[in-house]
Amino acid sequence: MKKRAITAGLLGWVIPGLGHIYLRRYWRGAIFLVAIGLMSLLGLVMGGKLYPFQADNPLTFLAFLSDLGNGLLYLLSRFLPIGLGELERQSFEFGTAYLAGAGLLNYLVALDAWDIARGKKS
């Protein structure tokens, strides 16, 4: 059961809701996928920034940790020109907040899938 819980948690982190779909909680997984996916998409459309790892500034490091919660989107942003941030746009700060919020929410969703797989939650 431990391997199943780790798999569900990792899948849930990589793609929002995938851990729940793996656990055959299809509706819950689909809702998380759509909700967090739209939140991330809105953040990118608004010109938000996904922060890279920088240990010199504590606030930038915390922003990195929240953005890392986006899973596959964050990993793609390191190789593709997405999430670079467009400072000249009025919606830049809102987009960055949406991306950070989506990442933090995805951490909670992945932990939820992990708890379900462990049998601690139904």
N, C-alpha and C. Protein backbone atom coordinates (compact mmCIF):
# COMPACT_ATOMS: atom_id res chain seq x y z
N MET A 1 0.82 -1.19 0.00
CA MET A 1 0.00 0.00 0.00
C MET A 1 0.87 1.26 0.00
N LYS A 2 2.08 1.20 0.57
CA LYS A 2 2.95 2.36 0.61
C LYS A 2 3.37 2.78 -0.79
N LYS A 3 3.67 1.81 -1.65
CA LYS A 3 4.06 2.12 -3.03
C LYS A 3 2.91 2.79 -3.77
N ARG A 4 1.71 2.33 -3.54
CA ARG A 4 0.53 2.92 -4.19
C ARG A 4 0.33 4.36 -3.73
N ALA A 5 0.56 4.63 -2.45
CA ALA A 5 0.40 5.98 -1.92
C ALA A 5 1.44 6.93 -2.51
N ILE A 6 2.68 6.47 -2.60
CA ILE A 6 3.73 7.31 -3.17
C ILE A 6 3.45 7.59 -4.65
N THR A 7 3.01 6.55 -5.37
CA THR A 7 2.68 6.73 -6.78
C THR A 7 1.54 7.73 -6.96
N ALA A 8 0.50 7.61 -6.15
CA ALA A 8 -0.64 8.54 -6.24
C ALA A 8 -0.21 9.96 -5.93
N GLY A 9 0.63 10.14 -4.91
CA GLY A 9 1.11 11.47 -4.56
C GLY A 9 1.96 12.09 -5.65
N LEU A 10 2.87 11.30 -6.22
CA LEU A 10 3.73 11.83 -7.29
C LEU A 10 2.94 12.14 -8.55
N LEU A 11 2.00 11.25 -8.91
CA LEU A 11 1.17 11.52 -10.08
C LEU A 11 0.32 12.77 -9.87
N GLY A 12 -0.18 12.93 -8.65
CA GLY A 12 -0.97 14.11 -8.32
C GLY A 12 -0.16 15.39 -8.37
N TRP A 13 1.14 15.29 -8.06
CA TRP A 13 1.99 16.48 -8.14
C TRP A 13 2.33 16.82 -9.59
N VAL A 14 2.63 15.80 -10.39
CA VAL A 14 3.04 16.04 -11.78
C VAL A 14 1.91 16.67 -12.58
N ILE A 15 0.73 16.09 -12.50
CA ILE A 15 -0.45 16.63 -13.19
C ILE A 15 -1.59 16.69 -12.18
N PRO A 16 -2.14 17.88 -11.94
CA PRO A 16 -3.20 17.99 -10.94
C PRO A 16 -4.36 17.03 -11.21
N GLY A 17 -4.76 16.30 -10.20
CA GLY A 17 -5.89 15.38 -10.32
C GLY A 17 -5.53 14.00 -10.82
N LEU A 18 -4.34 13.80 -11.36
CA LEU A 18 -3.96 12.50 -11.90
C LEU A 18 -3.83 11.45 -10.80
N GLY A 19 -3.43 11.85 -9.62
CA GLY A 19 -3.36 10.91 -8.50
C GLY A 19 -4.74 10.37 -8.13
N HIS A 20 -5.74 11.24 -8.19
CA HIS A 20 -7.11 10.79 -7.90
C HIS A 20 -7.64 9.89 -9.00
N ILE A 21 -7.31 10.22 -10.24
CA ILE A 21 -7.73 9.37 -11.35
C ILE A 21 -7.07 8.00 -11.23
N TYR A 22 -5.81 7.95 -10.83
CA TYR A 22 -5.09 6.70 -10.59
C TYR A 22 -5.79 5.86 -9.51
N LEU A 23 -6.37 6.54 -8.52
CA LEU A 23 -7.08 5.86 -7.43
C LEU A 23 -8.55 5.60 -7.75
N ARG A 24 -8.93 5.83 -8.99
CA ARG A 24 -10.29 5.61 -9.48
C ARG A 24 -11.32 6.54 -8.84
N ARG A 25 -10.88 7.72 -8.49
CA ARG A 25 -11.78 8.78 -8.04
C ARG A 25 -11.89 9.75 -9.21
N TYR A 26 -12.60 9.32 -10.25
CA TYR A 26 -12.59 10.01 -11.54
C TYR A 26 -13.16 11.42 -11.47
N TRP A 27 -14.30 11.59 -10.80
CA TRP A 27 -14.92 12.91 -10.75
C TRP A 27 -14.04 13.90 -10.00
N ARG A 28 -13.54 13.47 -8.88
CA ARG A 28 -12.69 14.35 -8.07
C ARG A 28 -11.43 14.73 -8.86
N GLY A 29 -10.83 13.74 -9.51
CA GLY A 29 -9.64 14.00 -10.32
C GLY A 29 -9.91 14.95 -11.46
N ALA A 30 -11.04 14.77 -12.13
CA ALA A 30 -11.39 15.65 -13.25
C ALA A 30 -11.64 17.08 -12.78
N ILE A 31 -12.30 17.22 -11.65
CA ILE A 31 -12.56 18.56 -11.12
C ILE A 31 -11.25 19.26 -10.76
N PHE A 32 -10.34 18.54 -10.12
CA PHE A 32 -9.04 19.13 -9.77
C PHE A 32 -8.24 19.48 -11.02
N LEU A 33 -8.27 18.61 -12.00
CA LEU A 33 -7.54 18.85 -13.24
C LEU A 33 -8.04 20.11 -13.93
N VAL A 34 -9.34 20.25 -14.03
CA VAL A 34 -9.92 21.41 -14.70
C VAL A 34 -9.69 22.69 -13.88
N ALA A 35 -9.96 22.63 -12.58
CA ALA A 35 -9.86 23.83 -11.75
C ALA A 35 -8.43 24.36 -11.67
N ILE A 36 -7.49 23.49 -11.33
CA ILE A 36 -6.10 23.92 -11.19
C ILE A 36 -5.49 24.21 -12.56
N GLY A 37 -5.90 23.44 -13.58
CA GLY A 37 -5.43 23.71 -14.93
C GLY A 37 -5.86 25.07 -15.42
N LEU A 38 -7.13 25.44 -15.18
CA LEU A 38 -7.61 26.76 -15.58
C LEU A 38 -6.92 27.88 -14.80
N MET A 39 -6.66 27.62 -13.54
CA MET A 39 -5.96 28.61 -12.73
C MET A 39 -4.56 28.87 -13.27
N SER A 40 -3.87 27.80 -13.63
CA SER A 40 -2.53 27.94 -14.21
C SER A 40 -2.59 28.61 -15.57
N LEU A 41 -3.55 28.22 -16.37
CA LEU A 41 -3.68 28.82 -17.70
C LEU A 41 -3.97 30.32 -17.60
N LEU A 42 -4.86 30.70 -16.70
CA LEU A 42 -5.15 32.12 -16.50
C LEU A 42 -3.90 32.87 -16.06
N GLY A 43 -3.12 32.26 -15.18
CA GLY A 43 -1.89 32.90 -14.75
C GLY A 43 -0.92 33.12 -15.89
N LEU A 44 -0.81 32.15 -16.78
CA LEU A 44 0.08 32.31 -17.94
C LEU A 44 -0.46 33.35 -18.91
N VAL A 45 -1.77 33.34 -19.14
CA VAL A 45 -2.38 34.30 -20.06
C VAL A 45 -2.22 35.73 -19.54
N MET A 46 -2.28 35.89 -18.23
CA MET A 46 -2.12 37.22 -17.64
C MET A 46 -0.66 37.69 -17.62
N GLY A 47 0.25 36.83 -18.04
CA GLY A 47 1.66 37.22 -18.09
C GLY A 47 2.40 36.99 -16.79
N GLY A 48 1.94 36.02 -16.00
CA GLY A 48 2.59 35.72 -14.73
C GLY A 48 3.96 35.07 -14.90
N LYS A 49 4.71 35.07 -13.81
CA LYS A 49 6.07 34.54 -13.84
C LYS A 49 6.17 33.30 -12.97
N LEU A 50 6.87 32.29 -13.47
CA LEU A 50 7.25 31.11 -12.70
C LEU A 50 8.70 31.31 -12.28
N TYR A 51 8.95 31.39 -11.00
CA TYR A 51 10.27 31.73 -10.49
C TYR A 51 11.21 30.54 -10.49
N PRO A 52 12.46 30.74 -10.96
CA PRO A 52 13.46 29.67 -10.89
C PRO A 52 14.07 29.61 -9.48
N PHE A 53 14.87 28.60 -9.24
CA PHE A 53 15.53 28.45 -7.94
C PHE A 53 16.57 29.54 -7.76
N GLN A 54 16.44 30.30 -6.68
CA GLN A 54 17.42 31.31 -6.30
C GLN A 54 17.48 31.32 -4.78
N ALA A 55 18.60 30.90 -4.23
CA ALA A 55 18.72 30.79 -2.78
C ALA A 55 19.13 32.10 -2.11
N ASP A 56 19.48 33.13 -2.88
CA ASP A 56 19.99 34.36 -2.29
C ASP A 56 18.90 35.23 -1.65
N ASN A 57 17.66 35.12 -2.11
CA ASN A 57 16.57 35.93 -1.59
C ASN A 57 15.49 34.99 -1.02
N PRO A 58 15.17 35.11 0.27
CA PRO A 58 14.19 34.20 0.87
C PRO A 58 12.81 34.26 0.22
N LEU A 59 12.37 35.44 -0.18
CA LEU A 59 11.05 35.55 -0.80
C LEU A 59 11.01 34.91 -2.18
N THR A 60 12.08 35.05 -2.93
CA THR A 60 12.16 34.41 -4.23
C THR A 60 12.22 32.90 -4.07
N PHE A 61 12.89 32.43 -3.02
CA PHE A 61 12.94 30.99 -2.76
C PHE A 61 11.56 30.45 -2.42
N LEU A 62 10.78 31.20 -1.64
CA LEU A 62 9.41 30.78 -1.32
C LEU A 62 8.53 30.79 -2.57
N ALA A 63 8.73 31.77 -3.43
CA ALA A 63 7.98 31.80 -4.70
C ALA A 63 8.35 30.59 -5.55
N PHE A 64 9.62 30.22 -5.56
CA PHE A 64 10.05 29.03 -6.28
C PHE A 64 9.35 27.79 -5.75
N LEU A 65 9.28 27.65 -4.42
CA LEU A 65 8.62 26.47 -3.83
C LEU A 65 7.15 26.41 -4.20
N SER A 66 6.48 27.55 -4.20
CA SER A 66 5.06 27.53 -4.57
C SER A 66 4.88 27.22 -6.05
N ASP A 67 5.75 27.76 -6.90
CA ASP A 67 5.65 27.48 -8.33
C ASP A 67 6.02 26.04 -8.66
N LEU A 68 6.91 25.45 -7.88
CA LEU A 68 7.30 24.05 -8.08
C LEU A 68 6.10 23.12 -7.91
N GLY A 69 5.11 23.56 -7.16
CA GLY A 69 3.89 22.77 -6.97
C GLY A 69 3.10 22.58 -8.25
N ASN A 70 3.38 23.35 -9.27
CA ASN A 70 2.69 23.20 -10.55
C ASN A 70 3.14 21.96 -11.31
N GLY A 71 4.14 21.27 -10.84
CA GLY A 71 4.56 20.00 -11.41
C GLY A 71 5.08 20.10 -12.84
N LEU A 72 4.38 19.43 -13.75
CA LEU A 72 4.81 19.36 -15.14
C LEU A 72 4.88 20.74 -15.78
N LEU A 73 3.97 21.63 -15.44
CA LEU A 73 4.00 22.99 -15.99
C LEU A 73 5.31 23.68 -15.60
N TYR A 74 5.72 23.52 -14.35
CA TYR A 74 6.98 24.14 -13.92
C TYR A 74 8.17 23.54 -14.66
N LEU A 75 8.19 22.22 -14.78
CA LEU A 75 9.29 21.57 -15.48
C LEU A 75 9.35 22.00 -16.94
N LEU A 76 8.20 22.13 -17.59
CA LEU A 76 8.18 22.61 -18.97
C LEU A 76 8.65 24.05 -19.08
N SER A 77 8.37 24.85 -18.08
CA SER A 77 8.76 26.25 -18.13
C SER A 77 10.28 26.42 -18.09
N ARG A 78 10.98 25.44 -17.61
CA ARG A 78 12.45 25.51 -17.59
C ARG A 78 13.04 25.27 -18.97
N PHE A 79 12.29 24.63 -19.87
CA PHE A 79 12.79 24.30 -21.20
C PHE A 79 12.10 25.06 -22.33
N LEU A 80 10.87 25.51 -22.09
CA LEU A 80 10.10 26.23 -23.09
C LEU A 80 9.92 27.68 -22.65
N PRO A 81 9.72 28.59 -23.58
CA PRO A 81 9.56 30.00 -23.19
C PRO A 81 8.16 30.32 -22.65
N ILE A 82 7.78 29.69 -21.55
CA ILE A 82 6.49 29.99 -20.91
C ILE A 82 6.75 30.39 -19.46
N GLY A 83 5.90 31.22 -18.93
CA GLY A 83 6.02 31.64 -17.53
C GLY A 83 7.20 32.54 -17.27
N LEU A 84 7.64 33.29 -18.29
CA LEU A 84 8.78 34.19 -18.13
C LEU A 84 8.40 35.48 -17.42
N GLY A 85 7.12 35.82 -17.45
CA GLY A 85 6.64 37.04 -16.83
C GLY A 85 6.76 38.22 -17.77
N GLU A 86 5.70 38.97 -17.85
CA GLU A 86 5.66 40.17 -18.70
C GLU A 86 5.38 41.36 -17.81
N LEU A 87 6.45 41.99 -17.33
CA LEU A 87 6.33 43.08 -16.36
C LEU A 87 5.53 44.28 -16.88
N GLU A 88 5.52 44.48 -18.18
CA GLU A 88 4.82 45.63 -18.72
C GLU A 88 3.30 45.48 -18.72
N ARG A 89 2.81 44.28 -18.49
CA ARG A 89 1.36 44.06 -18.45
C ARG A 89 0.80 44.42 -17.08
N GLN A 90 -0.39 45.00 -17.09
CA GLN A 90 -1.02 45.37 -15.82
C GLN A 90 -1.41 44.14 -15.01
N SER A 91 -1.64 43.03 -15.67
CA SER A 91 -2.10 41.82 -14.99
C SER A 91 -0.95 40.92 -14.55
N PHE A 92 0.30 41.40 -14.64
CA PHE A 92 1.47 40.58 -14.30
C PHE A 92 1.38 40.04 -12.87
N GLU A 93 1.12 40.90 -11.91
CA GLU A 93 1.08 40.48 -10.50
C GLU A 93 -0.05 39.48 -10.25
N PHE A 94 -1.20 39.71 -10.87
CA PHE A 94 -2.31 38.78 -10.71
C PHE A 94 -1.97 37.42 -11.31
N GLY A 95 -1.34 37.43 -12.47
CA GLY A 95 -0.95 36.18 -13.11
C GLY A 95 0.05 35.41 -12.27
N THR A 96 1.01 36.11 -11.69
CA THR A 96 1.99 35.46 -10.83
C THR A 96 1.31 34.88 -9.59
N ALA A 97 0.35 35.62 -9.05
CA ALA A 97 -0.38 35.11 -7.88
C ALA A 97 -1.22 33.89 -8.24
N TYR A 98 -1.82 33.88 -9.41
CA TYR A 98 -2.59 32.71 -9.85
C TYR A 98 -1.69 31.49 -9.99
N LEU A 99 -0.51 31.68 -10.57
CA LEU A 99 0.42 30.55 -10.74
C LEU A 99 0.90 30.03 -9.38
N ALA A 100 1.21 30.94 -8.46
CA ALA A 100 1.64 30.52 -7.13
C ALA A 100 0.50 29.81 -6.39
N GLY A 101 -0.70 30.36 -6.50
CA GLY A 101 -1.87 29.73 -5.85
C GLY A 101 -2.17 28.37 -6.41
N ALA A 102 -2.03 28.21 -7.72
CA ALA A 102 -2.27 26.91 -8.35
C ALA A 102 -1.24 25.89 -7.86
N GLY A 103 0.00 26.32 -7.72
CA GLY A 103 1.04 25.41 -7.22
C GLY A 103 0.78 24.97 -5.79
N LEU A 104 0.41 25.92 -4.94
CA LEU A 104 0.13 25.57 -3.54
C LEU A 104 -1.11 24.68 -3.43
N LEU A 105 -2.11 24.97 -4.22
CA LEU A 105 -3.32 24.14 -4.23
C LEU A 105 -3.01 22.73 -4.72
N ASN A 106 -2.12 22.63 -5.70
CA ASN A 106 -1.76 21.31 -6.22
C ASN A 106 -1.02 20.48 -5.17
N TYR A 107 -0.21 21.13 -4.31
CA TYR A 107 0.41 20.39 -3.20
C TYR A 107 -0.68 19.74 -2.33
N LEU A 108 -1.73 20.51 -2.02
CA LEU A 108 -2.81 19.97 -1.19
C LEU A 108 -3.54 18.83 -1.87
N VAL A 109 -3.75 18.95 -3.18
CA VAL A 109 -4.43 17.90 -3.94
C VAL A 109 -3.58 16.63 -3.98
N ALA A 110 -2.27 16.78 -4.16
CA ALA A 110 -1.38 15.61 -4.17
C ALA A 110 -1.36 14.94 -2.79
N LEU A 111 -1.35 15.74 -1.73
CA LEU A 111 -1.41 15.17 -0.37
C LEU A 111 -2.74 14.48 -0.12
N ASP A 112 -3.81 15.00 -0.69
CA ASP A 112 -5.12 14.36 -0.57
C ASP A 112 -5.11 12.98 -1.23
N ALA A 113 -4.52 12.90 -2.42
CA ALA A 113 -4.42 11.60 -3.10
C ALA A 113 -3.56 10.64 -2.30
N TRP A 114 -2.49 11.13 -1.72
CA TRP A 114 -1.62 10.30 -0.89
C TRP A 114 -2.37 9.77 0.34
N ASP A 115 -3.15 10.64 0.98
CA ASP A 115 -3.94 10.21 2.15
C ASP A 115 -5.00 9.18 1.77
N ILE A 116 -5.64 9.36 0.64
CA ILE A 116 -6.65 8.39 0.18
C ILE A 116 -6.00 7.03 -0.06
N ALA A 117 -4.84 7.04 -0.70
CA ALA A 117 -4.16 5.77 -0.99
C ALA A 117 -3.67 5.08 0.26
N ARG A 118 -3.32 5.85 1.29
CA ARG A 118 -2.90 5.26 2.56
C ARG A 118 -4.07 4.74 3.38
N GLY A 119 -5.28 5.10 3.00
CA GLY A 119 -6.45 4.66 3.74
C GLY A 119 -6.82 5.58 4.89
N LYS A 120 -6.20 6.73 4.97
CA LYS A 120 -6.48 7.68 6.05
C LYS A 120 -7.68 8.57 5.75
N LYS A 121 -8.13 8.54 4.49
CA LYS A 121 -9.25 9.37 4.08
C LYS A 121 -10.02 8.61 3.01
N SER A 122 -11.30 8.86 2.94
CA SER A 122 -12.09 8.16 1.91
C SER A 122 -12.46 9.07 0.77
